PDB file of N, CA and C in Angstrom:
ATOM      1  N   UNK A   1     114.938  98.307 106.079  1.00  0.00           N
ATOM      2  CA  UNK A   1     115.941  98.802 105.699  1.00  0.00           C
ATOM      3  C   UNK A   1     116.314  97.403 104.641  1.00  0.00           C
ATOM      4  N   UNK A   2     116.456  97.073 105.032  1.00  0.00           N
ATOM      5  CA  UNK A   2     117.313  95.367 104.344  1.00  0.00           C
ATOM      6  C   UNK A   2     116.010  95.089 103.305  1.00  0.00           C
ATOM      7  N   UNK A   3     114.028  94.853 103.705  1.00  0.00           N
ATOM      8  CA  UNK A   3     113.351  94.832 102.609  1.00  0.00           C
ATOM      9  C   UNK A   3     113.202  95.597 101.829  1.00  0.00           C
ATOM     10  N   UNK A   4     113.839  96.829 101.978  1.00  0.00           N
ATOM     11  CA  UNK A   4     113.560  97.955 101.229  1.00  0.00           C
ATOM     12  C   UNK A   4     114.653  97.941  99.754  1.00  0.00           C
ATOM     13  N   UNK A   5     116.081  97.680 100.478  1.00  0.00           N
ATOM     14  CA  UNK A   5     117.122  96.874  99.825  1.00  0.00           C
ATOM     15  C   UNK A   5     116.611  96.211  98.674  1.00  0.00           C
ATOM     16  N   UNK A   6     115.656  95.285  99.412  1.00  0.00           N
ATOM     17  CA  UNK A   6     115.882  93.822  98.497  1.00  0.00           C
ATOM     18  C   UNK A   6     114.757  94.060  97.603  1.00  0.00           C
ATOM     19  N   UNK A   7     113.612  94.562  97.874  1.00  0.00           N
ATOM     20  CA  UNK A   7     112.381  95.294  96.661  1.00  0.00           C
ATOM     21  C   UNK A   7     112.546  95.931  96.132  1.00  0.00           C
ATOM     22  N   UNK A   8     113.914  97.053  96.474  1.00  0.00           N
ATOM     23  CA  UNK A   8     114.032  98.197  95.366  1.00  0.00           C
ATOM     24  C   UNK A   8     114.927  97.319  94.201  1.00  0.00           C
ATOM     25  N   UNK A   9     115.746  96.803  95.091  1.00  0.00           N
ATOM     26  CA  UNK A   9     116.713  96.286  93.631  1.00  0.00           C
ATOM     27  C   UNK A   9     115.815  94.766  92.656  1.00  0.00           C
ATOM     28  N   UNK A  10     115.117  94.597  92.956  1.00  0.00           N
ATOM     29  CA  UNK A  10     113.809  93.567  92.523  1.00  0.00           C
ATOM     30  C   UNK A  10     113.097  94.439  91.533  1.00  0.00           C
ATOM     31  N   UNK A  11     112.669  95.434  91.876  1.00  0.00           N
ATOM     32  CA  UNK A  11     112.182  96.450  91.308  1.00  0.00           C
ATOM     33  C   UNK A  11     113.207  96.906  89.933  1.00  0.00           C
ATOM     34  N   UNK A  12     114.113  97.461  90.171  1.00  0.00           N
ATOM     35  CA  UNK A  12     115.442  97.643  89.148  1.00  0.00           C
ATOM     36  C   UNK A  12     115.385  97.099  88.612  1.00  0.00           C
ATOM     37  N   UNK A  13     115.833  95.442  88.590  1.00  0.00           N
ATOM     38  CA  UNK A  13     115.600  94.602  87.794  1.00  0.00           C
ATOM     39  C   UNK A  13     114.811  94.305  86.812  1.00  0.00           C
ATOM     40  N   UNK A  14     113.282  94.137  87.424  1.00  0.00           N
ATOM     41  CA  UNK A  14     112.096  93.931  86.867  1.00  0.00           C
ATOM     42  C   UNK A  14     112.176  94.554  85.557  1.00  0.00           C
ATOM     43  N   UNK A  15     112.085  96.373  86.143  1.00  0.00           N
ATOM     44  CA  UNK A  15     112.409  97.377  85.207  1.00  0.00           C
ATOM     45  C   UNK A  15     113.419  97.147  84.038  1.00  0.00           C
ATOM     46  N   UNK A  16     114.501  97.012  84.246  1.00  0.00           N
ATOM     47  CA  UNK A  16     115.745  96.610  83.228  1.00  0.00           C
ATOM     48  C   UNK A  16     115.476  95.562  82.414  1.00  0.00           C
ATOM     49  N   UNK A  17     115.016  93.887  82.794  1.00  0.00           N
ATOM     50  CA  UNK A  17     114.321  93.337  81.861  1.00  0.00           C
ATOM     51  C   UNK A  17     113.675  93.960  81.289  1.00  0.00           C
ATOM     52  N   UNK A  18     112.175  94.702  81.069  1.00  0.00           N
ATOM     53  CA  UNK A  18     111.241  95.296  80.696  1.00  0.00           C
ATOM     54  C   UNK A  18     112.006  96.176  79.480  1.00  0.00           C
ATOM     55  N   UNK A  19     112.583  97.154  79.411  1.00  0.00           N
ATOM     56  CA  UNK A  19     113.323  97.832  78.941  1.00  0.00           C
ATOM     57  C   UNK A  19     114.296  96.757  78.153  1.00  0.00           C
ATOM     58  N   UNK A  20     115.279  96.611  78.494  1.00  0.00           N
ATOM     59  CA  UNK A  20     115.836  95.782  77.379  1.00  0.00           C
ATOM     60  C   UNK A  20     115.117  94.271  76.277  1.00  0.00           C
ATOM     61  N   UNK A  21     114.082  94.313  76.955  1.00  0.00           N
ATOM     62  CA  UNK A  21     112.905  93.401  76.162  1.00  0.00           C
ATOM     63  C   UNK A  21     112.233  94.167  74.919  1.00  0.00           C
ATOM     64  N   UNK A  22     112.330  95.154  76.068  1.00  0.00           N
ATOM     65  CA  UNK A  22     111.346  96.103  74.512  1.00  0.00           C
ATOM     66  C   UNK A  22     112.337  96.876  73.503  1.00  0.00           C
ATOM     67  N   UNK A  23     113.122  96.956  74.058  1.00  0.00           N
ATOM     68  CA  UNK A  23     114.929  97.634  72.750  1.00  0.00           C
ATOM     69  C   UNK A  23     114.879  96.136  71.631  1.00  0.00           C
ATOM     70  N   UNK A  24     115.419  95.320  72.652  1.00  0.00           N
ATOM     71  CA  UNK A  24     115.559  94.382  71.269  1.00  0.00           C
ATOM     72  C   UNK A  24     114.314  93.817  70.676  1.00  0.00           C
ATOM     73  N   UNK A  25     113.125  93.962  70.928  1.00  0.00           N
ATOM     74  CA  UNK A  25     112.244  93.398  70.542  1.00  0.00           C
ATOM     75  C   UNK A  25     112.251  92.034  70.991  1.00  0.00           C
ATOM     76  N   UNK A  26     112.357  92.125  71.692  1.00  0.00           N
ATOM     77  CA  UNK A  26     112.417  90.450  72.396  1.00  0.00           C
ATOM     78  C   UNK A  26     112.009  88.721  72.090  1.00  0.00           C
ATOM     79  N   UNK A  27     112.150  88.149  71.851  1.00  0.00           N
ATOM     80  CA  UNK A  27     111.128  86.299  71.693  1.00  0.00           C
ATOM     81  C   UNK A  27     110.762  85.451  72.868  1.00  0.00           C
ATOM     82  N   UNK A  28     111.541  86.668  73.972  1.00  0.00           N
ATOM     83  CA  UNK A  28     111.070  85.271  74.888  1.00  0.00           C
ATOM     84  C   UNK A  28     109.747  85.316  75.142  1.00  0.00           C
ATOM     85  N   UNK A  29     109.028  84.138  75.887  1.00  0.00           N
ATOM     86  CA  UNK A  29     107.883  83.768  76.133  1.00  0.00           C
ATOM     87  C   UNK A  29     106.915  84.823  76.702  1.00  0.00           C
ATOM     88  N   UNK A  30     107.537  84.963  77.945  1.00  0.00           N
ATOM     89  CA  UNK A  30     106.604  85.788  78.837  1.00  0.00           C
ATOM     90  C   UNK A  30     106.799  87.409  78.585  1.00  0.00           C
ATOM     91  N   UNK A  31     107.734  87.417  77.457  1.00  0.00           N
ATOM     92  CA  UNK A  31     107.566  89.080  76.939  1.00  0.00           C
ATOM     93  C   UNK A  31     106.659  89.002  76.112  1.00  0.00           C
ATOM     94  N   UNK A  32     106.602  88.162  75.166  1.00  0.00           N
ATOM     95  CA  UNK A  32     105.496  87.682  74.229  1.00  0.00           C
ATOM     96  C   UNK A  32     104.237  87.924  74.444  1.00  0.00           C
ATOM     97  N   UNK A  33     103.605  87.594  75.695  1.00  0.00           N
ATOM     98  CA  UNK A  33     102.457  87.277  75.851  1.00  0.00           C
ATOM     99  C   UNK A  33     102.389  88.958  76.874  1.00  0.00           C
ATOM    100  N   UNK A  34     102.963  89.431  77.185  1.00  0.00           N
ATOM    101  CA  UNK A  34     102.764  91.036  77.745  1.00  0.00           C
ATOM    102  C   UNK A  34     102.918  91.552  76.347  1.00  0.00           C
ATOM    103  N   UNK A  35     103.515  91.312  75.312  1.00  0.00           N
ATOM    104  CA  UNK A  35     103.547  92.362  74.208  1.00  0.00           C
ATOM    105  C   UNK A  35     101.968  92.232  73.657  1.00  0.00           C
ATOM    106  N   UNK A  36     101.494  90.718  73.329  1.00  0.00           N
ATOM    107  CA  UNK A  36     100.381  90.770  72.583  1.00  0.00           C
ATOM    108  C   UNK A  36      99.431  91.192  73.934  1.00  0.00           C
ATOM    109  N   UNK A  37      99.169  91.493  74.963  1.00  0.00           N
ATOM    110  CA  UNK A  37      98.029  91.880  75.617  1.00  0.00           C
ATOM    111  C   UNK A  37      98.360  93.497  75.774  1.00  0.00           C
ATOM    112  N   UNK A  38      99.054  94.017  75.239  1.00  0.00           N
ATOM    113  CA  UNK A  38      99.671  95.356  75.603  1.00  0.00           C
ATOM    114  C   UNK A  38      99.467  96.088  74.021  1.00  0.00           C
ATOM    115  N   UNK A  39      99.798  95.246  73.109  1.00  0.00           N
ATOM    116  CA  UNK A  39      99.287  95.275  71.485  1.00  0.00           C
ATOM    117  C   UNK A  39      97.617  95.934  71.261  1.00  0.00           C
ATOM    118  N   UNK A  40      97.042  95.498  72.499  1.00  0.00           N
ATOM    119  CA  UNK A  40      95.339  95.516  72.149  1.00  0.00           C
ATOM    120  C   UNK A  40      95.025  97.034  72.647  1.00  0.00           C
ATOM    121  N   UNK A  41      96.226  97.659  73.230  1.00  0.00           N
ATOM    122  CA  UNK A  41      95.847  99.044  73.882  1.00  0.00           C
ATOM    123  C   UNK A  41      97.011 100.485  73.258  1.00  0.00           C
ATOM    124  N   UNK A  42      98.091  99.780  72.322  1.00  0.00           N
ATOM    125  CA  UNK A  42      98.966 100.573  71.946  1.00  0.00           C
ATOM    126  C   UNK A  42      99.919 100.492  70.513  1.00  0.00           C
ATOM    127  N   UNK A  43      99.033  99.237  70.419  1.00  0.00           N
ATOM    128  CA  UNK A  43      98.776  98.778  68.927  1.00  0.00           C
ATOM    129  C   UNK A  43     100.668  99.311  68.040  1.00  0.00           C
ATOM    130  N   UNK A  44     101.379  99.291  67.321  1.00  0.00           N
ATOM    131  CA  UNK A  44     102.427  99.425  67.041  1.00  0.00           C
ATOM    132  C   UNK A  44     103.669 100.206  67.523  1.00  0.00           C
ATOM    133  N   UNK A  45     103.427 100.771  68.705  1.00  0.00           N
ATOM    134  CA  UNK A  45     104.291 101.330  69.732  1.00  0.00           C
ATOM    135  C   UNK A  45     104.492 100.918  70.948  1.00  0.00           C
ATOM    136  N   UNK A  46     103.849  99.504  71.111  1.00  0.00           N
ATOM    137  CA  UNK A  46     104.087  98.525  72.255  1.00  0.00           C
ATOM    138  C   UNK A  46     104.966  98.540  72.712  1.00  0.00           C
ATOM    139  N   UNK A  47     106.274  98.304  71.686  1.00  0.00           N
ATOM    140  CA  UNK A  47     107.598  97.876  72.174  1.00  0.00           C
ATOM    141  C   UNK A  47     108.412  99.324  73.136  1.00  0.00           C
ATOM    142  N   UNK A  48     108.086 100.673  72.310  1.00  0.00           N
ATOM    143  CA  UNK A  48     108.621 101.644  73.015  1.00  0.00           C
ATOM    144  C   UNK A  48     107.280 102.503  74.429  1.00  0.00           C
ATOM    145  N   UNK A  49     106.501 101.524  74.926  1.00  0.00           N
ATOM    146  CA  UNK A  49     105.648 101.712  75.553  1.00  0.00           C
ATOM    147  C   UNK A  49     106.522 100.902  76.578  1.00  0.00           C
ATOM    148  N   UNK A  50     106.857  99.480  76.556  1.00  0.00           N
ATOM    149  CA  UNK A  50     107.809  99.023  76.951  1.00  0.00           C
ATOM    150  C   UNK A  50     108.706  99.179  77.918  1.00  0.00           C
ATOM    151  N   UNK A  51     109.440  99.959  77.019  1.00  0.00           N
ATOM    152  CA  UNK A  51     110.932 100.385  76.825  1.00  0.00           C
ATOM    153  C   UNK A  51     110.470 101.723  78.019  1.00  0.00           C
ATOM    154  N   UNK A  52     109.529 102.695  77.907  1.00  0.00           N
ATOM    155  CA  UNK A  52     109.133 103.959  79.148  1.00  0.00           C
ATOM    156  C   UNK A  52     108.942 103.456  80.427  1.00  0.00           C
ATOM    157  N   UNK A  53     108.199 102.527  80.774  1.00  0.00           N
ATOM    158  CA  UNK A  53     107.581 101.231  81.921  1.00  0.00           C
ATOM    159  C   UNK A  53     108.992 100.844  82.290  1.00  0.00           C
ATOM    160  N   UNK A  54     109.294 100.217  81.699  1.00  0.00           N
ATOM    161  CA  UNK A  54     110.583  99.941  81.940  1.00  0.00           C
ATOM    162  C   UNK A  54     111.664 100.800  82.623  1.00  0.00           C
ATOM    163  N   UNK A  55     111.821 102.145  82.463  1.00  0.00           N
ATOM    164  CA  UNK A  55     112.875 103.111  82.785  1.00  0.00           C
ATOM    165  C   UNK A  55     112.338 103.580  84.372  1.00  0.00           C
ATOM    166  N   UNK A  56     110.687 103.598  84.372  1.00  0.00           N
ATOM    167  CA  UNK A  56     110.292 104.147  85.096  1.00  0.00           C
ATOM    168  C   UNK A  56     109.606 102.922  86.170  1.00  0.00           C
ATOM    169  N   UNK A  57     110.019 102.376  86.105  1.00  0.00           N
ATOM    170  CA  UNK A  57     109.735 101.302  87.142  1.00  0.00           C
ATOM    171  C   UNK A  57     111.679 101.347  87.608  1.00  0.00           C
ATOM    172  N   UNK A  58     112.275 101.214  87.025  1.00  0.00           N
ATOM    173  CA  UNK A  58     113.552 101.237  87.378  1.00  0.00           C
ATOM    174  C   UNK A  58     113.710 102.700  88.152  1.00  0.00           C
ATOM    175  N   UNK A  59     113.789 103.357  87.980  1.00  0.00           N
ATOM    176  CA  UNK A  59     113.469 104.259  89.058  1.00  0.00           C
ATOM    177  C   UNK A  59     112.672 104.348  89.706  1.00  0.00           C
ATOM    178  N   UNK A  60     112.019 103.921  89.737  1.00  0.00           N
ATOM    179  CA  UNK A  60     110.654 103.501  91.565  1.00  0.00           C
ATOM    180  C   UNK A  60     111.829 102.959  92.179  1.00  0.00           C
ATOM    181  N   UNK A  61     112.110 102.282  91.017  1.00  0.00           N
ATOM    182  CA  UNK A  61     112.863 100.587  92.446  1.00  0.00           C
ATOM    183  C   UNK A  61     114.130 101.161  93.036  1.00  0.00           C
ATOM    184  N   UNK A  62     114.983 102.502  92.653  1.00  0.00           N
ATOM    185  CA  UNK A  62     115.959 103.101  93.192  1.00  0.00           C
ATOM    186  C   UNK A  62     115.227 104.084  94.286  1.00  0.00           C
ATOM    187  N   UNK A  63     114.529 104.509  94.115  1.00  0.00           N
ATOM    188  CA  UNK A  63     113.446 105.339  95.019  1.00  0.00           C
ATOM    189  C   UNK A  63     113.300 104.159  95.959  1.00  0.00           C
ATOM    190  N   UNK A  64     112.465 102.962  95.777  1.00  0.00           N
ATOM    191  CA  UNK A  64     112.155 102.482  97.183  1.00  0.00           C
ATOM    192  C   UNK A  64     113.712 101.875  97.985  1.00  0.00           C
ATOM    193  N   UNK A  65     114.573 101.061  97.037  1.00  0.00           N
ATOM    194  CA  UNK A  65     116.133 101.030  97.391  1.00  0.00           C
ATOM    195  C   UNK A  65     116.878 102.150  98.532  1.00  0.00           C
ATOM    196  N   UNK A  66     116.875 103.239  98.186  1.00  0.00           N
ATOM    197  CA  UNK A  66     117.257 104.511  99.281  1.00  0.00           C
ATOM    198  C   UNK A  66     115.840 104.643 100.146  1.00  0.00           C
ATOM    199  N   UNK A  67     114.765 104.387 100.473  1.00  0.00           N
ATOM    200  CA  UNK A  67     113.880 105.156 101.577  1.00  0.00           C
ATOM    201  C   UNK A  67     113.296 106.074 101.161  1.00  0.00           C
ATOM    202  N   UNK A  68     112.961 106.041 100.092  1.00  0.00           N
ATOM    203  CA  UNK A  68     113.234 108.073  99.290  1.00  0.00           C
ATOM    204  C   UNK A  68     111.260 107.984  99.714  1.00  0.00           C
ATOM    205  N   UNK A  69     110.391 106.525  99.169  1.00  0.00           N
ATOM    206  CA  UNK A  69     109.213 106.941  99.930  1.00  0.00           C
ATOM    207  C   UNK A  69     108.301 106.837 101.109  1.00  0.00           C
ATOM    208  N   UNK A  70     109.229 106.749 102.081  1.00  0.00           N
ATOM    209  CA  UNK A  70     109.120 106.391 103.435  1.00  0.00           C
ATOM    210  C   UNK A  70     109.187 107.585 104.297  1.00  0.00           C
ATOM    211  N   UNK A  71     109.336 108.497 103.454  1.00  0.00           N
ATOM    212  CA  UNK A  71     109.846 110.090 104.325  1.00  0.00           C
ATOM    213  C   UNK A  71     108.466 110.877 104.155  1.00  0.00           C
ATOM    214  N   UNK A  72     107.523 110.444 103.563  1.00  0.00           N
ATOM    215  CA  UNK A  72     106.158 111.149 103.677  1.00  0.00           C
ATOM    216  C   UNK A  72     105.158 110.513 104.125  1.00  0.00           C
TER     217      UNK A  72
END
């Protein structure tokens, strides 16, 4: 249970970081590397895709934290 909380919280923070960077179109080096690779596929909508991916990772992190996936 403790590991679920740890990994769920870590996933939530990662998704939040990705969402915020996509929202601000951050100039962070790590984010710019992600943008450079994603731009090949998503072109001008790369920041929107990162925002959506960040939201999905945050939701999944919450599910992991509460142990939702272990019920199946």
